[in-house]
Protein backbone atom coordinates (compact mmCIF):
# COMPACT_ATOMS: atom_id res chain seq x y z
CA MET A 1 5.62 -6.74 -18.57
CA ALA A 2 9.00 -5.01 -18.29
CA GLY A 3 8.80 -1.26 -17.93
CA THR A 4 5.03 -1.13 -17.53
CA THR A 5 2.41 -0.56 -14.92
CA GLN A 6 -1.14 -1.79 -15.29
CA ALA A 7 -4.00 0.20 -13.80
CA ILE A 8 -7.03 -1.65 -12.46
CA ASN A 9 -10.14 0.34 -13.38
CA GLY A 10 -13.85 -0.14 -12.97
CA ASP A 11 -13.78 -1.18 -9.33
CA ALA A 12 -16.77 0.17 -7.44
CA PRO A 13 -16.13 1.99 -4.15
CA ASP A 14 -16.33 -0.24 -1.10
CA THR A 15 -16.84 0.62 2.55
CA SER A 16 -16.77 -2.95 3.86
CA PRO A 17 -14.85 -3.93 6.99
CA LEU A 18 -12.25 -5.70 4.80
CA THR A 19 -8.88 -4.03 4.77
CA LEU A 20 -5.15 -4.47 4.45
CA LEU A 21 -3.26 -5.99 7.36
CA TRP A 22 -0.23 -3.91 8.40
CA LYS A 23 2.91 -4.66 10.36
CA LYS A 24 2.69 -2.66 13.60
CA HIS A 25 5.73 -0.51 12.77
CA PHE A 26 3.96 0.80 9.63
CA VAL A 27 0.90 2.13 11.50
CA PRO A 28 2.53 5.35 12.86
CA MET A 29 3.86 6.10 9.35
CA ILE A 30 0.33 5.72 7.91
CA LEU A 31 -1.22 7.87 10.65
CA SER A 32 1.37 10.61 10.09
CA GLY A 33 0.84 10.58 6.32
CA LYS A 34 4.41 9.45 5.64
CA LYS A 35 3.35 6.05 4.21
CA THR A 36 0.86 6.38 1.34
CA ALA A 37 1.58 3.22 -0.65
CA THR A 38 2.14 -0.48 -0.16
CA ARG A 39 3.35 -3.27 -2.42
CA ARG A 40 2.01 -6.78 -2.07
CA ARG A 41 2.78 -10.07 -3.79
CA ALA A 42 -0.88 -11.11 -3.86
CA ARG A 43 -3.78 -8.97 -5.10
CA PRO A 44 -5.17 -7.11 -2.09
CA THR A 45 -8.87 -7.35 -1.32
CA VAL A 46 -9.47 -3.63 -1.73
CA LYS A 47 -11.09 -1.52 -4.43
CA VAL A 48 -10.23 1.90 -5.80
CA GLY A 49 -12.35 4.45 -3.95
CA GLY A 50 -12.99 2.09 -1.04
CA THR A 51 -12.39 3.15 2.54
CA TYR A 52 -10.91 0.65 4.96
CA HIS A 53 -9.95 0.44 8.61
CA ILE A 54 -6.25 0.31 9.42
CA LYS A 55 -5.77 -3.20 10.74
CA ASP A 56 -2.66 -4.04 12.79
CA GLY A 57 -3.70 -7.47 13.99
CA PHE A 58 -5.88 -10.22 12.59
CA PHE A 59 -8.85 -9.21 14.75
CA ASP A 60 -7.81 -5.67 15.76
CA HIS A 61 -8.33 -2.50 13.79
CA LEU A 62 -7.97 1.18 14.51
CA PRO A 63 -10.83 3.66 14.12
CA GLU A 64 -8.82 5.54 11.47
CA ARG A 65 -9.45 4.66 7.85
CA ILE A 66 -7.64 4.87 4.54
CA ARG A 67 -9.14 5.46 1.10
CA VAL A 68 -7.62 3.61 -1.86
CA ASP A 69 -6.63 6.01 -4.65
CA ARG A 70 -4.97 3.60 -7.09
CA LEU A 71 -4.48 -0.15 -7.49
CA PHE A 72 -2.08 -1.38 -10.15
CA MET A 73 0.63 -3.90 -10.96
CA GLN A 74 4.31 -2.96 -11.25
CA ARG A 75 7.70 -4.64 -11.60
CA LEU A 76 9.81 -4.05 -8.50
CA GLY A 77 12.66 -3.00 -10.78
CA ASP A 78 10.50 -0.16 -12.17
CA MET A 79 10.19 1.51 -8.76
CA THR A 80 11.47 5.06 -8.49
CA GLU A 81 12.94 6.89 -5.51
CA GLU A 82 9.54 8.63 -5.15
CA ASP A 83 7.77 5.23 -5.10
CA ALA A 84 10.07 4.08 -2.29
CA TRP A 85 9.51 7.33 -0.38
CA ARG A 86 5.72 6.81 -0.55
CA GLU A 87 6.30 3.39 1.05
CA GLY A 88 7.90 5.04 4.08
CA PRO A 89 11.67 4.49 3.69
CA LYS A 90 13.97 7.41 2.91
CA CYS A 91 15.27 5.90 -0.34
CA LEU A 92 14.93 2.99 -2.75
CA ARG A 93 17.96 1.22 -1.28
CA ASP A 94 16.31 1.26 2.17
CA PHE A 95 13.06 -0.04 0.65
CA VAL A 96 14.92 -2.93 -1.01
CA ALA A 97 16.57 -3.84 2.32
CA GLU A 98 13.20 -3.73 4.11
CA TRP A 99 11.54 -5.82 1.36
CA GLU A 100 14.28 -8.45 1.64
CA GLU A 101 13.88 -8.53 5.41
CA LEU A 102 10.10 -8.95 5.22
CA MET A 103 9.80 -11.08 2.07
CA GLY A 104 13.08 -12.98 2.02
CA SER A 105 14.24 -11.95 -1.45
CA TRP A 106 14.21 -9.11 -3.98
CA SER A 107 13.87 -9.64 -7.72
CA PRO A 108 13.60 -6.59 -10.00
CA ASP A 109 11.52 -8.74 -12.39
CA GLU A 110 8.92 -9.65 -9.77
CA VAL A 111 5.52 -8.11 -10.50
CA VAL A 112 3.64 -6.92 -7.41
CA TRP A 113 0.38 -5.16 -6.62
CA VAL A 114 0.64 -1.51 -5.61
CA VAL A 115 -1.98 0.17 -3.46
CA GLU A 116 -1.78 3.96 -3.18
CA PHE A 117 -3.96 5.48 -0.48
CA HIS A 118 -4.51 8.41 1.84
CA LEU A 119 -5.68 8.73 5.41
CA VAL A 120 -9.35 9.69 5.58
CA ASP A 121 -10.13 12.85 7.51
CA PRO A 122 -12.23 11.80 10.53
CA SER A 123 -14.63 14.66 9.82
CA GLY A 124 -15.46 12.97 6.52
CA SER A 125 -14.15 15.85 4.40
CA ASP A 126 -11.12 14.11 2.93
């Protein structure tokens, strides 16, 4: 799968209480609009078009919601500086360091799931 991304299409919108679980230090970045993507080793239980609460603890979630714009697979080594910036860090090097800290290791050949999202306007006009 080198050099490719694979889009996941045909997922129906979902407004269920299921969501992504976030490390607490990511929540302010999401709420400010700085973090608009996440990479996960396992397929997240979200669907394109679905809206989900921001969850920062197993049982706790914030009233704010995100809407999933894209869900696809990507090799870590195919990430660009822009991809890293959407994750929150200032550059790809910082993203790699953060990934290693959270996940234990970095392999450019590892294929991960990418979720791109945006914060939903509380007025419902996102």
